[in-house]
Amino acid sequence: MCTIVARDSGTLEAVMRYRSGLVLLTAVVCLFGQATITPRATPGTPNPAAPEPPPLPRSTIRVDTNLVLVPVTVLDPLARMVTGLEAENFQILEGGTPQKIISFGSEDSPLSIGIVLDTSGSMGNKLAISRQGVVEFFKSANPEDEAFLVEFSDRPQLVLPFTHNLGQIEDQIMFARSNGNTALLDGVSVAIAQMKKATHPRKALILLSDGGDNHSRFTESEVRNRVKESDVQIYAMGIYSGGGDINDDPVLLTRLSELTGGRHFEVGLRDLVDVAAKIGIELRNTYLLGYSPTNAARDGKYRPITVKVTPPRGMPKLTASWRRGYFAPTQ
């Protein structure tokens, strides 16, 4: 679990978890006039005639605070990762209204990862290099990471559920065969559903495809809504042949990934392994910002988020990627 450092001295220490981009932090403080203690059973025969003590008065204070966690990646003008920033270098706005950052973290924490692999006929010899990319990506894995594998062609299939044995996923991809149409949106939908079983707060999908979709039953609009409702970052590697191949479609992968605060990399076969390694490093150097929304309404509406980065003195202009919003709770 990612360690969150609260910078507000009034914040209660608690275990933080989030779902659908939103964490409900509940602190329960019990104040007793006297402590009620139940002793352990001791040998001997109890006296049934002994009267039970009267219940002691107590009061309970329940405090509910909504904490929105926003993963943010920062790059310099040369697209290199920027680490070492502090909370004061960031500003968060929700619907245009500035929010106070109350938690900040940047350390490597365990991830729940979904590998989403295109095995349609258009992938052909791209499958071999895709496996090499997955192997390279896992080289930066945390020992506590968990991952699953979804493959899609005519239809999506959950090939391996969550496992800590990442080598199983690498081995399974060796048996993948290229054939059929491309149900990319359905593949992403299945992966989002599987991610609901994740045990770690930070979640990411690694999508390898040539980007086209010609066989999904879900529309892009439906899948975008599912992505918005999830708390998953999507990193897509679009493996393009070049030369105007009809199967190449980088626009779809760009729209899906940028919505989540992830990124889409357009790669050739020679670049894929290096890009996979880069994504692994990027996920290990993501900032996690937390704020309590000034809008406390539980209306279930989608709320857009904007993150601004102010570079330290002497640094060039920096570029940030972040999750674009979340759905407020309804209760």
C-alpha atoms as a PDB file:
ATOM      1  CA  MET A   1       0.000   0.000   0.000  1.00  0.00           C
ATOM      2  CA  CYS A   2       1.302   3.441  -0.851  1.00  0.00           C
ATOM      3  CA  THR A   3       2.365   5.479   2.203  1.00  0.00           C
ATOM      4  CA  ILE A   4       0.678   8.857   2.206  1.00  0.00           C
ATOM      5  CA  VAL A   5       2.354  11.652   4.127  1.00  0.00           C
ATOM      6  CA  ALA A   6      -0.234  14.073   5.463  1.00  0.00           C
ATOM      7  CA  ARG A   7       1.064  17.639   5.415  1.00  0.00           C
ATOM      8  CA  ASP A   8      -1.930  19.010   7.383  1.00  0.00           C
ATOM      9  CA  SER A   9      -1.398  18.647  11.118  1.00  0.00           C
ATOM     10  CA  GLY A  10      -5.130  18.314  11.632  1.00  0.00           C
ATOM     11  CA  THR A  11      -5.436  15.237   9.474  1.00  0.00           C
ATOM     12  CA  LEU A  12      -6.161  11.980  11.289  1.00  0.00           C
ATOM     13  CA  GLU A  13      -3.775   9.138  10.650  1.00  0.00           C
ATOM     14  CA  ALA A  14      -5.620   6.321   8.915  1.00  0.00           C
ATOM     15  CA  VAL A  15      -5.276   3.623   6.342  1.00  0.00           C
ATOM     16  CA  MET A  16      -6.232   5.043   2.992  1.00  0.00           C
ATOM     17  CA  ARG A  17      -7.772   3.141   0.130  1.00  0.00           C
ATOM     18  CA  TYR A  18      -9.523   4.428  -2.934  1.00  0.00           C
ATOM     19  CA  ARG A  19     -11.980   3.100  -5.517  1.00  0.00           C
ATOM     20  CA  SER A  20     -13.402   4.883  -8.601  1.00  0.00           C
ATOM     21  CA  GLY A  21     -10.760   7.576  -8.135  1.00  0.00           C
ATOM     22  CA  LEU A  22     -12.204   8.346  -4.659  1.00  0.00           C
ATOM     23  CA  VAL A  23     -11.219   7.246  -1.137  1.00  0.00           C
ATOM     24  CA  LEU A  24     -13.629   7.411   1.729  1.00  0.00           C
ATOM     25  CA  LEU A  25     -11.505   8.011   4.813  1.00  0.00           C
ATOM     26  CA  THR A  26     -13.391   7.158   7.969  1.00  0.00           C
ATOM     27  CA  ALA A  27     -11.969   7.741  11.401  1.00  0.00           C
ATOM     28  CA  VAL A  28     -13.905   6.434  14.334  1.00  0.00           C
ATOM     29  CA  VAL A  29     -12.951   7.782  17.723  1.00  0.00           C
ATOM     30  CA  CYS A  30     -14.556   6.237  20.780  1.00  0.00           C
ATOM     31  CA  LEU A  31     -14.542   8.224  24.005  1.00  0.00           C
ATOM     32  CA  PHE A  32     -15.465   6.326  27.167  1.00  0.00           C
ATOM     33  CA  GLY A  33     -16.325   7.569  30.598  1.00  0.00           C
ATOM     34  CA  GLN A  34     -14.783   4.282  31.775  1.00  0.00           C
ATOM     35  CA  ALA A  35     -13.133   1.529  29.790  1.00  0.00           C
ATOM     36  CA  THR A  36     -15.182  -1.641  29.297  1.00  0.00           C
ATOM     37  CA  ILE A  37     -12.836  -4.639  29.414  1.00  0.00           C
ATOM     38  CA  THR A  38     -13.848  -8.225  28.802  1.00  0.00           C
ATOM     39  CA  PRO A  39     -11.408 -10.461  30.715  1.00  0.00           C
ATOM     40  CA  ARG A  40     -10.108 -13.685  29.287  1.00  0.00           C
ATOM     41  CA  ALA A  41     -11.722 -16.878  30.506  1.00  0.00           C
ATOM     42  CA  THR A  42      -9.885 -18.361  33.474  1.00  0.00           C
ATOM     43  CA  PRO A  43      -9.985 -21.899  34.855  1.00  0.00           C
ATOM     44  CA  GLY A  44     -12.603 -22.599  37.453  1.00  0.00           C
ATOM     45  CA  THR A  45     -16.375 -22.774  37.789  1.00  0.00           C
ATOM     46  CA  PRO A  46     -18.202 -19.467  37.231  1.00  0.00           C
ATOM     47  CA  ASN A  47     -20.675 -18.266  39.840  1.00  0.00           C
ATOM     48  CA  PRO A  48     -24.095 -18.025  38.094  1.00  0.00           C
ATOM     49  CA  ALA A  49     -25.431 -15.957  40.957  1.00  0.00           C
ATOM     50  CA  ALA A  50     -22.940 -13.139  40.378  1.00  0.00           C
ATOM     51  CA  PRO A  51     -24.767 -10.081  38.961  1.00  0.00           C
ATOM     52  CA  GLU A  52     -23.620  -8.660  35.613  1.00  0.00           C
ATOM     53  CA  PRO A  53     -22.218  -5.135  35.832  1.00  0.00           C
ATOM     54  CA  PRO A  54     -24.454  -2.441  34.325  1.00  0.00           C
ATOM     55  CA  PRO A  55     -23.447  -1.129  30.877  1.00  0.00           C
ATOM     56  CA  LEU A  56     -21.174   1.891  30.992  1.00  0.00           C
ATOM     57  CA  PRO A  57     -22.072   5.087  29.107  1.00  0.00           C
ATOM     58  CA  ARG A  58     -20.051   5.938  26.018  1.00  0.00           C
ATOM     59  CA  SER A  59     -20.152   8.377  23.147  1.00  0.00           C
ATOM     60  CA  THR A  60     -19.021   7.883  19.562  1.00  0.00           C
ATOM     61  CA  ILE A  61     -17.757  10.581  17.249  1.00  0.00           C
ATOM     62  CA  ARG A  62     -17.780   9.677  13.565  1.00  0.00           C
ATOM     63  CA  VAL A  63     -15.879  11.836  11.074  1.00  0.00           C
ATOM     64  CA  ASP A  64     -16.266  11.306   7.316  1.00  0.00           C
ATOM     65  CA  THR A  65     -13.873  12.979   4.891  1.00  0.00           C
ATOM     66  CA  ASN A  66     -13.689  12.455   1.127  1.00  0.00           C
ATOM     67  CA  LEU A  67     -10.105  12.147  -0.053  1.00  0.00           C
ATOM     68  CA  VAL A  68      -9.486  12.209  -3.789  1.00  0.00           C
ATOM     69  CA  LEU A  69      -6.142  10.702  -4.838  1.00  0.00           C
ATOM     70  CA  VAL A  70      -4.652  11.882  -8.127  1.00  0.00           C
ATOM     71  CA  PRO A  71      -1.603  10.149  -9.684  1.00  0.00           C
ATOM     72  CA  VAL A  72       0.568  12.654 -11.564  1.00  0.00           C
ATOM     73  CA  THR A  73       3.522  12.087 -13.896  1.00  0.00           C
ATOM     74  CA  VAL A  74       5.885  15.005 -14.581  1.00  0.00           C
ATOM     75  CA  LEU A  75       8.205  15.314 -17.604  1.00  0.00           C
ATOM     76  CA  ASP A  76      10.801  17.885 -18.672  1.00  0.00           C
ATOM     77  CA  PRO A  77      10.981  19.333 -22.227  1.00  0.00           C
ATOM     78  CA  LEU A  78      13.020  16.291 -23.327  1.00  0.00           C
ATOM     79  CA  ALA A  79      10.290  13.905 -22.067  1.00  0.00           C
ATOM     80  CA  ARG A  80      12.455  12.764 -19.146  1.00  0.00           C
ATOM     81  CA  MET A  81      10.952  11.888 -15.781  1.00  0.00           C
ATOM     82  CA  VAL A  82      11.176  14.620 -13.146  1.00  0.00           C
ATOM     83  CA  THR A  83      11.529  13.444  -9.565  1.00  0.00           C
ATOM     84  CA  GLY A  84      12.179  15.242  -6.294  1.00  0.00           C
ATOM     85  CA  LEU A  85       9.332  17.753  -6.487  1.00  0.00           C
ATOM     86  CA  GLU A  86       7.421  18.764  -3.357  1.00  0.00           C
ATOM     87  CA  ALA A  87       3.733  19.375  -2.709  1.00  0.00           C
ATOM     88  CA  GLU A  88       4.209  23.143  -3.080  1.00  0.00           C
ATOM     89  CA  ASN A  89       5.170  22.613  -6.728  1.00  0.00           C
ATOM     90  CA  PHE A  90       1.646  21.388  -7.522  1.00  0.00           C
ATOM     91  CA  GLN A  91      -1.775  22.988  -7.719  1.00  0.00           C
ATOM     92  CA  ILE A  92      -5.045  21.066  -8.096  1.00  0.00           C
ATOM     93  CA  LEU A  93      -8.307  22.505  -9.374  1.00  0.00           C
ATOM     94  CA  GLU A  94     -11.648  20.702  -9.392  1.00  0.00           C
ATOM     95  CA  GLY A  95     -14.069  22.248 -11.861  1.00  0.00           C
ATOM     96  CA  GLY A  96     -11.884  25.356 -11.873  1.00  0.00           C
ATOM     97  CA  THR A  97     -11.903  25.713  -8.071  1.00  0.00           C
ATOM     98  CA  PRO A  98      -8.489  25.462  -6.318  1.00  0.00           C
ATOM     99  CA  GLN A  99      -8.182  22.603  -3.835  1.00  0.00           C
ATOM    100  CA  LYS A 100      -5.876  22.234  -0.849  1.00  0.00           C
ATOM    101  CA  ILE A 101      -3.403  19.351  -1.133  1.00  0.00           C
ATOM    102  CA  ILE A 102      -3.522  17.479   2.169  1.00  0.00           C
ATOM    103  CA  SER A 103      -1.478  14.390   1.287  1.00  0.00           C
ATOM    104  CA  PHE A 104       1.542  13.851  -0.909  1.00  0.00           C
ATOM    105  CA  GLY A 105       3.623  10.824  -1.793  1.00  0.00           C
ATOM    106  CA  SER A 106       6.137   9.858  -4.455  1.00  0.00           C
ATOM    107  CA  GLU A 107       7.680   6.568  -3.382  1.00  0.00           C
ATOM    108  CA  ASP A 108       7.541   3.253  -5.235  1.00  0.00           C
ATOM    109  CA  SER A 109       4.496   1.336  -4.030  1.00  0.00           C
ATOM    110  CA  PRO A 110       3.071  -2.034  -5.151  1.00  0.00           C
ATOM    111  CA  LEU A 111       0.955  -2.040  -8.289  1.00  0.00           C
ATOM    112  CA  SER A 112      -1.971  -4.046  -9.584  1.00  0.00           C
ATOM    113  CA  ILE A 113      -1.241  -4.456 -13.293  1.00  0.00           C
ATOM    114  CA  GLY A 114      -3.288  -5.706 -16.211  1.00  0.00           C
ATOM    115  CA  ILE A 115      -1.512  -6.772 -19.416  1.00  0.00           C
ATOM    116  CA  VAL A 116      -3.973  -6.344 -22.310  1.00  0.00           C
ATOM    117  CA  LEU A 117      -2.594  -7.974 -25.462  1.00  0.00           C
ATOM    118  CA  ASP A 118      -3.940  -7.731 -29.011  1.00  0.00           C
ATOM    119  CA  THR A 119      -3.748 -11.179 -30.659  1.00  0.00           C
ATOM    120  CA  SER A 120      -5.763 -10.322 -33.775  1.00  0.00           C
ATOM    121  CA  GLY A 121      -4.625 -11.170 -37.268  1.00  0.00           C
ATOM    122  CA  SER A 122      -3.198  -7.697 -37.849  1.00  0.00           C
ATOM    123  CA  MET A 123      -0.591  -8.202 -35.114  1.00  0.00           C
ATOM    124  CA  GLY A 124       1.266 -10.992 -36.967  1.00  0.00           C
ATOM    125  CA  ASN A 125       4.976 -10.864 -36.131  1.00  0.00           C
ATOM    126  CA  LYS A 126       4.324  -8.119 -33.569  1.00  0.00           C
ATOM    127  CA  LEU A 127       3.403 -10.743 -30.961  1.00  0.00           C
ATOM    128  CA  ALA A 128       6.997 -11.897 -30.478  1.00  0.00           C
ATOM    129  CA  ILE A 129       8.269  -8.388 -29.782  1.00  0.00           C
ATOM    130  CA  SER A 130       5.240  -7.741 -27.575  1.00  0.00           C
ATOM    131  CA  ARG A 131       6.315 -10.593 -25.309  1.00  0.00           C
ATOM    132  CA  GLN A 132       9.818  -9.127 -25.097  1.00  0.00           C
ATOM    133  CA  GLY A 133       8.263  -5.810 -24.128  1.00  0.00           C
ATOM    134  CA  VAL A 134       6.271  -7.406 -21.309  1.00  0.00           C
ATOM    135  CA  VAL A 135       9.411  -9.136 -20.006  1.00  0.00           C
ATOM    136  CA  GLU A 136      11.272  -5.818 -20.040  1.00  0.00           C
ATOM    137  CA  PHE A 137       8.402  -4.013 -18.310  1.00  0.00           C
ATOM    138  CA  PHE A 138       8.356  -6.563 -15.485  1.00  0.00           C
ATOM    139  CA  LYS A 139      12.081  -6.036 -14.818  1.00  0.00           C
ATOM    140  CA  SER A 140      11.179  -2.933 -12.815  1.00  0.00           C
ATOM    141  CA  ALA A 141       8.423  -4.716 -10.889  1.00  0.00           C
ATOM    142  CA  ASN A 142       8.015  -4.466  -7.138  1.00  0.00           C
ATOM    143  CA  PRO A 143       8.106  -7.912  -5.431  1.00  0.00           C
ATOM    144  CA  GLU A 144       4.585  -7.231  -4.125  1.00  0.00           C
ATOM    145  CA  ASP A 145       3.128  -6.426  -7.552  1.00  0.00           C
ATOM    146  CA  GLU A 146       0.270  -8.519  -8.897  1.00  0.00           C
ATOM    147  CA  ALA A 147      -0.789  -8.839 -12.524  1.00  0.00           C
ATOM    148  CA  PHE A 148      -3.275 -10.505 -14.861  1.00  0.00           C
ATOM    149  CA  LEU A 149      -3.396 -11.162 -18.613  1.00  0.00           C
ATOM    150  CA  VAL A 150      -6.238 -10.392 -21.039  1.00  0.00           C
ATOM    151  CA  GLU A 151      -5.944 -11.271 -24.724  1.00  0.00           C
ATOM    152  CA  PHE A 152      -8.367 -10.157 -27.424  1.00  0.00           C
ATOM    153  CA  SER A 153      -9.018 -10.916 -31.088  1.00  0.00           C
ATOM    154  CA  ASP A 154     -12.600 -11.703 -32.153  1.00  0.00           C
ATOM    155  CA  ARG A 155     -13.504 -11.583 -28.473  1.00  0.00           C
ATOM    156  CA  PRO A 156     -11.664 -10.823 -25.215  1.00  0.00           C
ATOM    157  CA  GLN A 157     -10.472 -13.555 -22.872  1.00  0.00           C
ATOM    158  CA  LEU A 158      -9.125 -13.437 -19.331  1.00  0.00           C
ATOM    159  CA  VAL A 159      -6.198 -15.824 -19.844  1.00  0.00           C
ATOM    160  CA  LEU A 160      -4.674 -15.514 -16.358  1.00  0.00           C
ATOM    161  CA  PRO A 161      -6.309 -13.903 -13.312  1.00  0.00           C
ATOM    162  CA  PHE A 162      -4.300 -11.945 -10.755  1.00  0.00           C
ATOM    163  CA  THR A 163      -1.016 -13.605  -9.803  1.00  0.00           C
ATOM    164  CA  HIS A 164       2.207 -12.581  -8.079  1.00  0.00           C
ATOM    165  CA  ASN A 165       4.112 -14.968 -10.341  1.00  0.00           C
ATOM    166  CA  LEU A 166       4.776 -12.584 -13.219  1.00  0.00           C
ATOM    167  CA  GLY A 167       6.741 -15.257 -15.051  1.00  0.00           C
ATOM    168  CA  GLN A 168       3.464 -17.094 -15.671  1.00  0.00           C
ATOM    169  CA  ILE A 169       2.248 -14.176 -17.762  1.00  0.00           C
ATOM    170  CA  GLU A 170       5.501 -14.036 -19.732  1.00  0.00           C
ATOM    171  CA  ASP A 171       5.258 -17.767 -20.435  1.00  0.00           C
ATOM    172  CA  GLN A 172       1.592 -17.611 -21.389  1.00  0.00           C
ATOM    173  CA  ILE A 173       2.235 -14.964 -24.043  1.00  0.00           C
ATOM    174  CA  MET A 174       4.570 -17.421 -25.782  1.00  0.00           C
ATOM    175  CA  PHE A 175       1.512 -19.499 -26.694  1.00  0.00           C
ATOM    176  CA  ALA A 176      -0.428 -16.551 -28.143  1.00  0.00           C
ATOM    177  CA  ARG A 177      -1.357 -16.894 -31.808  1.00  0.00           C
ATOM    178  CA  SER A 178      -2.352 -14.122 -34.201  1.00  0.00           C
ATOM    179  CA  ASN A 179      -5.749 -14.516 -35.876  1.00  0.00           C
ATOM    180  CA  GLY A 180      -9.207 -13.021 -36.213  1.00  0.00           C
ATOM    181  CA  ASN A 181     -10.610  -9.514 -35.871  1.00  0.00           C
ATOM    182  CA  THR A 182      -9.867  -6.839 -33.270  1.00  0.00           C
ATOM    183  CA  ALA A 183     -12.199  -6.337 -30.288  1.00  0.00           C
ATOM    184  CA  LEU A 184      -9.951  -3.809 -28.552  1.00  0.00           C
ATOM    185  CA  LEU A 185     -12.685  -1.941 -26.686  1.00  0.00           C
ATOM    186  CA  ASP A 186     -14.125  -5.214 -25.392  1.00  0.00           C
ATOM    187  CA  GLY A 187     -10.637  -6.203 -24.214  1.00  0.00           C
ATOM    188  CA  VAL A 188     -10.266  -2.978 -22.249  1.00  0.00           C
ATOM    189  CA  SER A 189     -13.739  -3.474 -20.755  1.00  0.00           C
ATOM    190  CA  VAL A 190     -12.875  -6.984 -19.523  1.00  0.00           C
ATOM    191  CA  ALA A 191      -9.619  -5.683 -18.019  1.00  0.00           C
ATOM    192  CA  ILE A 192     -11.420  -2.864 -16.191  1.00  0.00           C
ATOM    193  CA  ALA A 193     -13.851  -5.406 -14.729  1.00  0.00           C
ATOM    194  CA  GLN A 194     -11.002  -7.687 -13.607  1.00  0.00           C
ATOM    195  CA  MET A 195      -9.232  -4.741 -11.968  1.00  0.00           C
ATOM    196  CA  LYS A 196     -12.086  -4.514  -9.441  1.00  0.00           C
ATOM    197  CA  LYS A 197     -10.438  -7.534  -7.761  1.00  0.00           C
ATOM    198  CA  ALA A 198      -7.137  -5.697  -7.299  1.00  0.00           C
ATOM    199  CA  THR A 199      -5.598  -5.569  -3.830  1.00  0.00           C
ATOM    200  CA  HIS A 200      -3.403  -2.466  -4.324  1.00  0.00           C
ATOM    201  CA  PRO A 201      -4.616   1.147  -4.493  1.00  0.00           C
ATOM    202  CA  ARG A 202      -2.493   1.925  -7.555  1.00  0.00           C
ATOM    203  CA  LYS A 203      -3.673   0.238 -10.747  1.00  0.00           C
ATOM    204  CA  ALA A 204      -2.440   0.308 -14.346  1.00  0.00           C
ATOM    205  CA  LEU A 205      -3.294  -1.357 -17.647  1.00  0.00           C
ATOM    206  CA  ILE A 206      -0.492  -1.987 -20.153  1.00  0.00           C
ATOM    207  CA  LEU A 207      -2.150  -2.203 -23.566  1.00  0.00           C
ATOM    208  CA  LEU A 208      -0.238  -3.547 -26.586  1.00  0.00           C
ATOM    209  CA  SER A 209      -2.025  -3.227 -29.916  1.00  0.00           C
ATOM    210  CA  ASP A 210      -1.866  -1.755 -33.411  1.00  0.00           C
ATOM    211  CA  GLY A 211      -4.784   0.382 -32.295  1.00  0.00           C
ATOM    212  CA  GLY A 212      -7.610  -0.612 -34.624  1.00  0.00           C
ATOM    213  CA  ASP A 213     -11.021  -1.901 -33.505  1.00  0.00           C
ATOM    214  CA  ASN A 214     -13.433  -3.631 -35.859  1.00  0.00           C
ATOM    215  CA  HIS A 215     -15.253  -6.235 -33.772  1.00  0.00           C
ATOM    216  CA  SER A 216     -16.241  -4.869 -30.326  1.00  0.00           C
ATOM    217  CA  ARG A 217     -19.806  -4.977 -29.084  1.00  0.00           C
ATOM    218  CA  PHE A 218     -19.099  -2.052 -26.742  1.00  0.00           C
ATOM    219  CA  THR A 219     -18.832   1.428 -28.234  1.00  0.00           C
ATOM    220  CA  GLU A 220     -15.975   3.803 -27.501  1.00  0.00           C
ATOM    221  CA  SER A 221     -18.353   6.044 -25.549  1.00  0.00           C
ATOM    222  CA  GLU A 222     -19.415   3.138 -23.312  1.00  0.00           C
ATOM    223  CA  VAL A 223     -15.820   2.101 -22.628  1.00  0.00           C
ATOM    224  CA  ARG A 224     -14.748   5.689 -21.951  1.00  0.00           C
ATOM    225  CA  ASN A 225     -17.464   5.895 -19.288  1.00  0.00           C
ATOM    226  CA  ARG A 226     -16.207   2.671 -17.707  1.00  0.00           C
ATOM    227  CA  VAL A 227     -12.673   4.061 -17.725  1.00  0.00           C
ATOM    228  CA  LYS A 228     -13.894   7.263 -16.059  1.00  0.00           C
ATOM    229  CA  GLU A 229     -15.601   5.252 -13.340  1.00  0.00           C
ATOM    230  CA  SER A 230     -12.468   3.226 -12.655  1.00  0.00           C
ATOM    231  CA  ASP A 231      -9.283   4.324 -10.918  1.00  0.00           C
ATOM    232  CA  VAL A 232      -6.952   2.744 -13.485  1.00  0.00           C
ATOM    233  CA  GLN A 233      -4.192   4.372 -15.510  1.00  0.00           C
ATOM    234  CA  ILE A 234      -3.838   3.126 -19.098  1.00  0.00           C
ATOM    235  CA  TYR A 235      -0.429   3.010 -20.772  1.00  0.00           C
ATOM    236  CA  ALA A 236      -0.774   2.042 -24.406  1.00  0.00           C
ATOM    237  CA  MET A 237       1.941   0.941 -26.813  1.00  0.00           C
ATOM    238  CA  GLY A 238       0.665   1.353 -30.357  1.00  0.00           C
ATOM    239  CA  ILE A 239       2.782  -0.953 -32.511  1.00  0.00           C
ATOM    240  CA  TYR A 240       2.465   0.590 -35.936  1.00  0.00           C
ATOM    241  CA  SER A 241       3.795  -0.710 -39.224  1.00  0.00           C
ATOM    242  CA  GLY A 242       3.896   2.696 -40.892  1.00  0.00           C
ATOM    243  CA  GLY A 243       3.152   3.395 -44.514  1.00  0.00           C
ATOM    244  CA  GLY A 244      -0.527   4.068 -43.888  1.00  0.00           C
ATOM    245  CA  ASP A 245      -1.448   0.551 -42.814  1.00  0.00           C
ATOM    246  CA  ILE A 246      -5.252   0.363 -42.605  1.00  0.00           C
ATOM    247  CA  ASN A 247      -5.011  -1.347 -39.193  1.00  0.00           C
ATOM    248  CA  ASP A 248      -3.035   1.481 -37.617  1.00  0.00           C
ATOM    249  CA  ASP A 249      -5.269   3.686 -35.451  1.00  0.00           C
ATOM    250  CA  PRO A 250      -3.331   5.743 -32.881  1.00  0.00           C
ATOM    251  CA  VAL A 251      -6.209   8.117 -32.140  1.00  0.00           C
ATOM    252  CA  LEU A 252      -8.283   5.586 -30.186  1.00  0.00           C
ATOM    253  CA  LEU A 253      -5.380   4.596 -27.932  1.00  0.00           C
ATOM    254  CA  THR A 254      -4.533   8.248 -27.320  1.00  0.00           C
ATOM    255  CA  ARG A 255      -8.064   9.101 -26.233  1.00  0.00           C
ATOM    256  CA  LEU A 256      -8.282   6.161 -23.838  1.00  0.00           C
ATOM    257  CA  SER A 257      -4.872   6.633 -22.212  1.00  0.00           C
ATOM    258  CA  GLU A 258      -4.933  10.410 -21.764  1.00  0.00           C
ATOM    259  CA  LEU A 259      -8.298  10.193 -20.036  1.00  0.00           C
ATOM    260  CA  THR A 260      -6.701   8.186 -17.221  1.00  0.00           C
ATOM    261  CA  GLY A 261      -3.480  10.131 -16.706  1.00  0.00           C
ATOM    262  CA  GLY A 262      -1.512   7.452 -18.546  1.00  0.00           C
ATOM    263  CA  ARG A 263       0.162   7.855 -21.934  1.00  0.00           C
ATOM    264  CA  HIS A 264       0.115   6.467 -25.451  1.00  0.00           C
ATOM    265  CA  PHE A 265       3.440   5.655 -27.100  1.00  0.00           C
ATOM    266  CA  GLU A 266       3.573   5.188 -30.859  1.00  0.00           C
ATOM    267  CA  VAL A 267       6.332   2.622 -31.360  1.00  0.00           C
ATOM    268  CA  GLY A 268       7.960   0.605 -34.081  1.00  0.00           C
ATOM    269  CA  LEU A 269       9.170  -2.947 -33.564  1.00  0.00           C
ATOM    270  CA  ARG A 270      12.688  -1.738 -32.802  1.00  0.00           C
ATOM    271  CA  ASP A 271      11.509   0.693 -30.129  1.00  0.00           C
ATOM    272  CA  LEU A 272       8.959  -1.371 -28.246  1.00  0.00           C
ATOM    273  CA  VAL A 273      11.266  -2.987 -25.699  1.00  0.00           C
ATOM    274  CA  ASP A 274      12.858   0.340 -24.737  1.00  0.00           C
ATOM    275  CA  VAL A 275       9.462   2.009 -24.423  1.00  0.00           C
ATOM    276  CA  ALA A 276       8.185  -0.835 -22.218  1.00  0.00           C
ATOM    277  CA  ALA A 277      11.122  -0.283 -19.870  1.00  0.00           C
ATOM    278  CA  LYS A 278      10.380   3.452 -19.860  1.00  0.00           C
ATOM    279  CA  ILE A 279       6.765   2.847 -18.858  1.00  0.00           C
ATOM    280  CA  GLY A 280       7.903   0.604 -16.007  1.00  0.00           C
ATOM    281  CA  ILE A 281      10.180   3.340 -14.679  1.00  0.00           C
ATOM    282  CA  GLU A 282       7.511   6.000 -15.119  1.00  0.00           C
ATOM    283  CA  LEU A 283       4.996   4.052 -13.054  1.00  0.00           C
ATOM    284  CA  ARG A 284       7.577   3.814 -10.262  1.00  0.00           C
ATOM    285  CA  ASN A 285       8.069   7.589 -10.218  1.00  0.00           C
ATOM    286  CA  THR A 286       4.500   8.834 -10.150  1.00  0.00           C
ATOM    287  CA  TYR A 287       3.437  11.458  -7.621  1.00  0.00           C
ATOM    288  CA  LEU A 288       0.241  10.788  -5.667  1.00  0.00           C
ATOM    289  CA  LEU A 289      -1.615  13.925  -4.583  1.00  0.00           C
ATOM    290  CA  GLY A 290      -4.615  13.896  -2.264  1.00  0.00           C
ATOM    291  CA  TYR A 291      -7.217  16.557  -1.525  1.00  0.00           C
ATOM    292  CA  SER A 292     -10.574  16.853   0.200  1.00  0.00           C
ATOM    293  CA  PRO A 293     -13.024  18.416  -2.300  1.00  0.00           C
ATOM    294  CA  THR A 294     -14.565  21.732  -1.348  1.00  0.00           C
ATOM    295  CA  ASN A 295     -17.710  20.487  -3.096  1.00  0.00           C
ATOM    296  CA  ALA A 296     -19.014  17.947  -0.585  1.00  0.00           C
ATOM    297  CA  ALA A 297     -22.218  17.141  -2.512  1.00  0.00           C
ATOM    298  CA  ARG A 298     -22.770  13.404  -3.033  1.00  0.00           C
ATOM    299  CA  ASP A 299     -24.493  13.815  -6.375  1.00  0.00           C
ATOM    300  CA  GLY A 300     -22.728  11.124  -8.452  1.00  0.00           C
ATOM    301  CA  LYS A 301     -21.649  13.704 -11.030  1.00  0.00           C
ATOM    302  CA  TYR A 302     -18.395  13.617 -12.981  1.00  0.00           C
ATOM    303  CA  ARG A 303     -15.952  16.247 -11.732  1.00  0.00           C
ATOM    304  CA  PRO A 304     -13.067  17.351 -13.946  1.00  0.00           C
ATOM    305  CA  ILE A 305      -9.619  17.785 -12.410  1.00  0.00           C
ATOM    306  CA  THR A 306      -6.778  20.057 -13.532  1.00  0.00           C
ATOM    307  CA  VAL A 307      -3.216  19.796 -12.224  1.00  0.00           C
ATOM    308  CA  LYS A 308      -0.684  22.602 -12.637  1.00  0.00           C
ATOM    309  CA  VAL A 309       3.047  22.263 -11.968  1.00  0.00           C
ATOM    310  CA  THR A 310       5.264  25.161 -10.922  1.00  0.00           C
ATOM    311  CA  PRO A 311       8.907  24.167 -11.503  1.00  0.00           C
ATOM    312  CA  PRO A 312      11.518  25.038  -8.892  1.00  0.00           C
ATOM    313  CA  ARG A 313      13.671  28.044  -9.660  1.00  0.00           C
ATOM    314  CA  GLY A 314      16.141  27.337 -12.436  1.00  0.00           C
ATOM    315  CA  MET A 315      14.155  24.457 -13.971  1.00  0.00           C
ATOM    316  CA  PRO A 316      12.504  24.656 -17.412  1.00  0.00           C
ATOM    317  CA  LYS A 317       8.771  24.393 -18.015  1.00  0.00           C
ATOM    318  CA  LEU A 318       7.425  20.997 -16.942  1.00  0.00           C
ATOM    319  CA  THR A 319       4.576  18.932 -18.395  1.00  0.00           C
ATOM    320  CA  ALA A 320       2.181  16.910 -16.233  1.00  0.00           C
ATOM    321  CA  SER A 321      -0.122  13.970 -16.970  1.00  0.00           C
ATOM    322  CA  TRP A 322      -2.928  13.202 -14.544  1.00  0.00           C
ATOM    323  CA  ARG A 323      -6.291  11.546 -14.225  1.00  0.00           C
ATOM    324  CA  ARG A 324      -8.804  13.947 -15.756  1.00  0.00           C
ATOM    325  CA  GLY A 325     -11.595  13.525 -13.256  1.00  0.00           C
ATOM    326  CA  TYR A 326     -13.751  11.239 -11.110  1.00  0.00           C
ATOM    327  CA  PHE A 327     -17.367  10.524 -10.270  1.00  0.00           C
ATOM    328  CA  ALA A 328     -18.546  11.857  -6.924  1.00  0.00           C
ATOM    329  CA  PRO A 329     -20.131   9.308  -4.561  1.00  0.00           C
ATOM    330  CA  THR A 330     -23.885   9.074  -4.282  1.00  0.00           C
ATOM    331  CA  GLN A 331     -24.073   8.169  -0.604  1.00  0.00           C
END
